[in-house]
Amino acid sequence: MTSTEADFVTSTRTFYDAIAEDYADHFAGERSAKPRDWTVLTGFAELVNRGGGGQVADLGCGPGRSTAFLAAQGLDVFGLDLSESMLTIARRENPGLRFDQGSMLELDIPDGTLTAAVSWYSSIHTPVDRLPSLFTEFHRVLAPGGYLLLAFQSGDQPLTLDQPFGHPVSLDFQRRRPESMAELLETAGFTLRSRTVREAEEELGESSAQAFLIARKTVAMR
């Protein structure tokens, strides 16, 4: 990482480096606990496979569970994350998959080379004024007609986690309105294809609805 990276990037990496092992243990059963969410990933994988496959990036992959799930659906997928500690877990649990360290805002990926990209709850630490740049970067690396999946908490007020698992770190988790995110995606050159919102499952500790948007990089008309 460069010395000129944004403060929110540094704080996000520091936060997840500190809590990585506890985070991975805490969310180990998330797939079985939230089957509707993973059904969204299954449908997204089917969409990409029907289009002929190609390289897919799981951007902000954390411990690599979503990356491994997409690979099991037949996708040629690799993971990318800021946190080296998260990547250590991802590589340990999935030795056959590729995991790179990097920032979603400055992807080391050539223009137009990805068939699809997934941002599974990874845009939630990006300030709202940087979302246009983030979505422009997603648009840059996708091939025309490429698909993007965004997952995030729906709402207006951020959630601050302070000293999770007893670690001396804190971080804001931004909640967004699906309609606002859809507008930003369209401004960046995407066409919205699917919008799914489910209510919070309080028995699982959720305090906000969950939103899932699937968008496609617009194909220029000749």
Protein backbone atom coordinates (compact mmCIF):
# COMPACT_ATOMS: atom_id res chain seq x y z
CA MET A 1 0.00 0.00 0.00
CA THR A 2 1.17 3.54 -0.73
CA SER A 3 1.67 6.24 1.89
CA THR A 4 -0.94 8.38 0.11
CA GLU A 5 -3.86 5.98 0.45
CA ALA A 6 -7.10 7.41 1.84
CA ASP A 7 -7.60 7.30 5.59
CA PHE A 8 -10.73 5.15 5.27
CA VAL A 9 -8.76 2.55 3.30
CA THR A 10 -6.08 2.41 5.99
CA SER A 11 -8.62 2.16 8.81
CA THR A 12 -10.55 -0.58 7.02
CA ARG A 13 -7.44 -2.67 6.48
CA THR A 14 -6.29 -2.15 10.07
CA PHE A 15 -9.71 -3.13 11.42
CA TYR A 16 -9.92 -6.40 9.50
CA ASP A 17 -6.28 -7.30 10.07
CA ALA A 18 -7.00 -7.09 13.80
CA ILE A 19 -10.21 -9.15 13.86
CA ALA A 20 -9.67 -11.58 10.97
CA GLU A 21 -9.47 -14.87 12.88
CA ASP A 22 -12.36 -14.00 15.23
CA TYR A 23 -14.44 -12.74 12.30
CA ALA A 24 -13.88 -15.96 10.35
CA ASP A 25 -14.87 -18.08 13.33
CA HIS A 26 -17.94 -15.98 14.13
CA PHE A 27 -19.32 -16.14 10.59
CA ALA A 28 -18.32 -19.73 9.86
CA GLY A 29 -21.98 -20.84 9.71
CA GLU A 30 -23.32 -17.84 7.82
CA ARG A 31 -24.19 -19.80 4.69
CA SER A 32 -26.55 -22.16 6.53
CA ALA A 33 -27.93 -19.35 8.72
CA LYS A 34 -28.80 -17.08 5.76
CA PRO A 35 -29.76 -19.37 2.87
CA ARG A 36 -31.70 -16.67 1.00
CA ASP A 37 -28.58 -14.54 0.69
CA TRP A 38 -26.54 -17.36 -0.76
CA THR A 39 -29.36 -18.11 -3.18
CA VAL A 40 -28.62 -14.68 -4.66
CA LEU A 41 -25.02 -15.78 -5.25
CA THR A 42 -26.25 -19.01 -6.84
CA GLY A 43 -28.51 -17.12 -9.23
CA PHE A 44 -25.71 -14.71 -10.09
CA ALA A 45 -23.38 -17.61 -10.88
CA GLU A 46 -26.02 -19.16 -13.13
CA LEU A 47 -26.38 -15.84 -14.95
CA VAL A 48 -22.63 -15.64 -15.57
CA ASN A 49 -22.40 -19.28 -16.62
CA ARG A 50 -25.25 -18.86 -19.10
CA GLY A 51 -23.31 -16.00 -20.65
CA GLY A 52 -20.36 -18.28 -21.36
CA GLY A 53 -18.31 -17.87 -18.19
CA GLY A 54 -15.02 -16.02 -18.05
CA GLN A 55 -12.95 -14.52 -15.25
CA VAL A 56 -14.80 -13.25 -12.19
CA ALA A 57 -13.45 -11.15 -9.30
CA ASP A 58 -14.74 -11.34 -5.74
CA LEU A 59 -13.79 -7.83 -4.60
CA GLY A 60 -13.41 -7.49 -0.85
CA CYS A 61 -13.52 -11.25 -0.40
CA GLY A 62 -12.60 -11.36 3.30
CA PRO A 63 -11.84 -14.95 4.38
CA GLY A 64 -12.83 -16.23 0.94
CA ARG A 65 -16.09 -18.03 1.70
CA SER A 66 -18.00 -16.27 -1.09
CA THR A 67 -15.08 -16.85 -3.48
CA ALA A 68 -15.08 -20.57 -2.71
CA PHE A 69 -18.87 -20.74 -3.10
CA LEU A 70 -18.72 -19.10 -6.53
CA ALA A 71 -15.92 -21.45 -7.58
CA ALA A 72 -18.10 -24.39 -6.54
CA GLN A 73 -20.77 -23.05 -8.91
CA GLY A 74 -18.29 -23.44 -11.78
CA LEU A 75 -16.98 -19.89 -12.05
CA ASP A 76 -13.36 -19.00 -12.81
CA VAL A 77 -13.09 -16.69 -9.81
CA PHE A 78 -10.35 -15.08 -7.75
CA GLY A 79 -10.58 -13.05 -4.55
CA LEU A 80 -9.14 -9.66 -3.66
CA ASP A 81 -9.02 -7.97 -0.28
CA LEU A 82 -7.24 -5.15 1.57
CA SER A 83 -6.48 -7.26 4.62
CA GLU A 84 -3.51 -9.60 4.48
CA SER A 85 -4.81 -11.33 7.61
CA MET A 86 -8.11 -12.09 5.88
CA LEU A 87 -6.21 -13.34 2.83
CA THR A 88 -4.13 -15.63 5.03
CA ILE A 89 -7.36 -17.34 6.13
CA ALA A 90 -8.72 -17.44 2.59
CA ARG A 91 -5.56 -19.09 1.25
CA ARG A 92 -5.43 -21.52 4.16
CA GLU A 93 -9.03 -22.63 3.69
CA ASN A 94 -8.94 -22.63 -0.13
CA PRO A 95 -5.43 -23.59 -1.29
CA GLY A 96 -6.59 -24.16 -4.86
CA LEU A 97 -7.91 -20.64 -5.36
CA ARG A 98 -6.17 -17.36 -6.12
CA PHE A 99 -6.31 -14.49 -3.64
CA ASP A 100 -4.66 -11.10 -4.19
CA GLN A 101 -4.14 -8.11 -1.93
CA GLY A 102 -5.33 -4.76 -3.21
CA SER A 103 -7.82 -1.91 -3.08
CA MET A 104 -11.12 -1.96 -4.99
CA LEU A 105 -10.60 1.72 -5.77
CA GLU A 106 -7.35 1.01 -7.66
CA LEU A 107 -7.65 -2.42 -9.22
CA ASP A 108 -4.59 -3.91 -10.88
CA ILE A 109 -6.81 -5.40 -13.58
CA PRO A 110 -6.71 -4.45 -17.28
CA ASP A 111 -9.67 -2.64 -18.80
CA GLY A 112 -12.59 -4.79 -19.89
CA THR A 113 -11.16 -8.16 -18.87
CA LEU A 114 -13.68 -9.42 -16.30
CA THR A 115 -16.90 -11.20 -17.15
CA ALA A 116 -18.32 -10.40 -13.73
CA ALA A 117 -17.49 -8.88 -10.37
CA VAL A 118 -18.94 -9.32 -6.90
CA SER A 119 -18.86 -6.78 -4.09
CA TRP A 120 -20.33 -8.85 -1.25
CA TYR A 121 -20.75 -6.36 1.61
CA SER A 122 -17.41 -4.76 0.68
CA SER A 123 -18.58 -1.30 -0.46
CA ILE A 124 -19.98 -0.59 3.00
CA HIS A 125 -16.81 1.10 4.24
CA THR A 126 -16.49 3.44 1.25
CA PRO A 127 -17.70 7.00 1.97
CA VAL A 128 -20.67 8.05 -0.14
CA ASP A 129 -18.64 10.68 -2.00
CA ARG A 130 -16.21 7.97 -3.17
CA LEU A 131 -18.88 5.58 -4.44
CA PRO A 132 -18.94 7.13 -7.94
CA SER A 133 -15.18 6.48 -8.25
CA LEU A 134 -15.64 2.94 -6.96
CA PHE A 135 -18.40 2.13 -9.43
CA THR A 136 -16.42 3.72 -12.26
CA GLU A 137 -13.54 1.39 -11.40
CA PHE A 138 -15.87 -1.62 -11.41
CA HIS A 139 -17.17 -0.48 -14.80
CA ARG A 140 -13.62 -0.10 -16.16
CA VAL A 141 -12.53 -3.66 -15.45
CA LEU A 142 -15.72 -5.32 -16.73
CA ALA A 143 -16.14 -6.34 -20.33
CA PRO A 144 -19.15 -4.88 -22.18
CA GLY A 145 -22.18 -6.78 -20.96
CA GLY A 146 -20.34 -7.90 -17.81
CA TYR A 147 -22.31 -8.37 -14.60
CA LEU A 148 -21.87 -6.80 -11.16
CA LEU A 149 -23.41 -8.00 -7.89
CA LEU A 150 -23.57 -5.62 -4.91
CA ALA A 151 -24.66 -6.71 -1.44
CA PHE A 152 -25.08 -4.17 1.36
CA GLN A 153 -27.20 -3.25 4.38
CA SER A 154 -30.21 -1.09 3.55
CA GLY A 155 -30.84 2.04 5.58
CA ASP A 156 -29.72 5.57 6.36
CA GLN A 157 -27.79 5.46 9.62
CA PRO A 158 -24.31 3.91 9.84
CA LEU A 159 -23.44 1.26 12.39
CA THR A 160 -20.22 1.71 14.34
CA LEU A 161 -18.49 -1.36 15.71
CA ASP A 162 -16.18 -0.43 18.55
CA GLN A 163 -13.68 -2.95 19.97
CA PRO A 164 -15.26 -6.04 18.36
CA PHE A 165 -14.12 -9.33 19.92
CA GLY A 166 -12.16 -7.22 22.39
CA HIS A 167 -9.74 -5.79 19.81
CA PRO A 168 -8.79 -2.07 20.15
CA VAL A 169 -10.23 -1.02 16.75
CA SER A 170 -13.47 0.53 15.49
CA LEU A 171 -15.06 1.05 12.08
CA ASP A 172 -18.22 2.51 10.55
CA PHE A 173 -20.48 0.27 8.48
CA GLN A 174 -22.42 2.42 6.03
CA ARG A 175 -26.02 1.59 5.18
CA ARG A 176 -27.41 2.66 1.82
CA ARG A 177 -30.76 3.01 0.14
CA PRO A 178 -31.10 0.59 -2.81
CA GLU A 179 -32.63 3.29 -5.02
CA SER A 180 -29.66 5.59 -4.38
CA MET A 181 -27.17 2.83 -5.15
CA ALA A 182 -29.06 2.00 -8.34
CA GLU A 183 -28.85 5.62 -9.46
CA LEU A 184 -25.11 5.71 -8.86
CA LEU A 185 -24.65 2.50 -10.82
CA GLU A 186 -26.65 3.86 -13.74
CA THR A 187 -24.58 7.06 -13.72
CA ALA A 188 -21.42 4.92 -13.87
CA GLY A 189 -22.69 3.15 -17.01
CA PHE A 190 -24.58 0.16 -15.63
CA THR A 191 -28.11 -1.05 -16.30
CA LEU A 192 -29.91 -2.43 -13.27
CA ARG A 193 -31.12 -6.00 -13.87
CA SER A 194 -32.29 -7.13 -10.44
CA ARG A 195 -33.12 -5.60 -7.05
CA THR A 196 -33.76 -7.80 -4.02
CA VAL A 197 -34.35 -6.55 -0.48
CA ARG A 198 -35.15 -8.74 2.49
CA GLU A 199 -36.11 -7.66 5.97
CA ALA A 200 -33.73 -7.94 8.89
CA GLU A 201 -33.63 -11.26 10.69
CA GLU A 202 -33.47 -10.07 14.27
CA GLU A 203 -32.93 -13.57 15.62
CA LEU A 204 -29.61 -13.55 13.78
CA GLY A 205 -28.63 -10.21 15.26
CA GLU A 206 -29.45 -8.12 12.18
CA SER A 207 -30.71 -4.58 12.71
CA SER A 208 -31.27 -3.56 9.09
CA ALA A 209 -32.69 -4.93 5.86
CA GLN A 210 -30.29 -6.51 3.37
CA ALA A 211 -30.10 -5.40 -0.27
CA PHE A 212 -28.76 -7.14 -3.36
CA LEU A 213 -28.40 -5.42 -6.73
CA ILE A 214 -27.37 -7.05 -9.99
CA ALA A 215 -26.33 -4.67 -12.75
CA ARG A 216 -24.85 -5.08 -16.20
CA LYS A 217 -22.26 -2.93 -17.93
CA THR A 218 -24.16 -1.23 -20.70
CA VAL A 219 -23.24 -2.34 -24.20
CA ALA A 220 -22.74 0.67 -26.45
CA MET A 221 -25.13 0.85 -29.39
CA ARG A 222 -23.54 1.10 -32.82
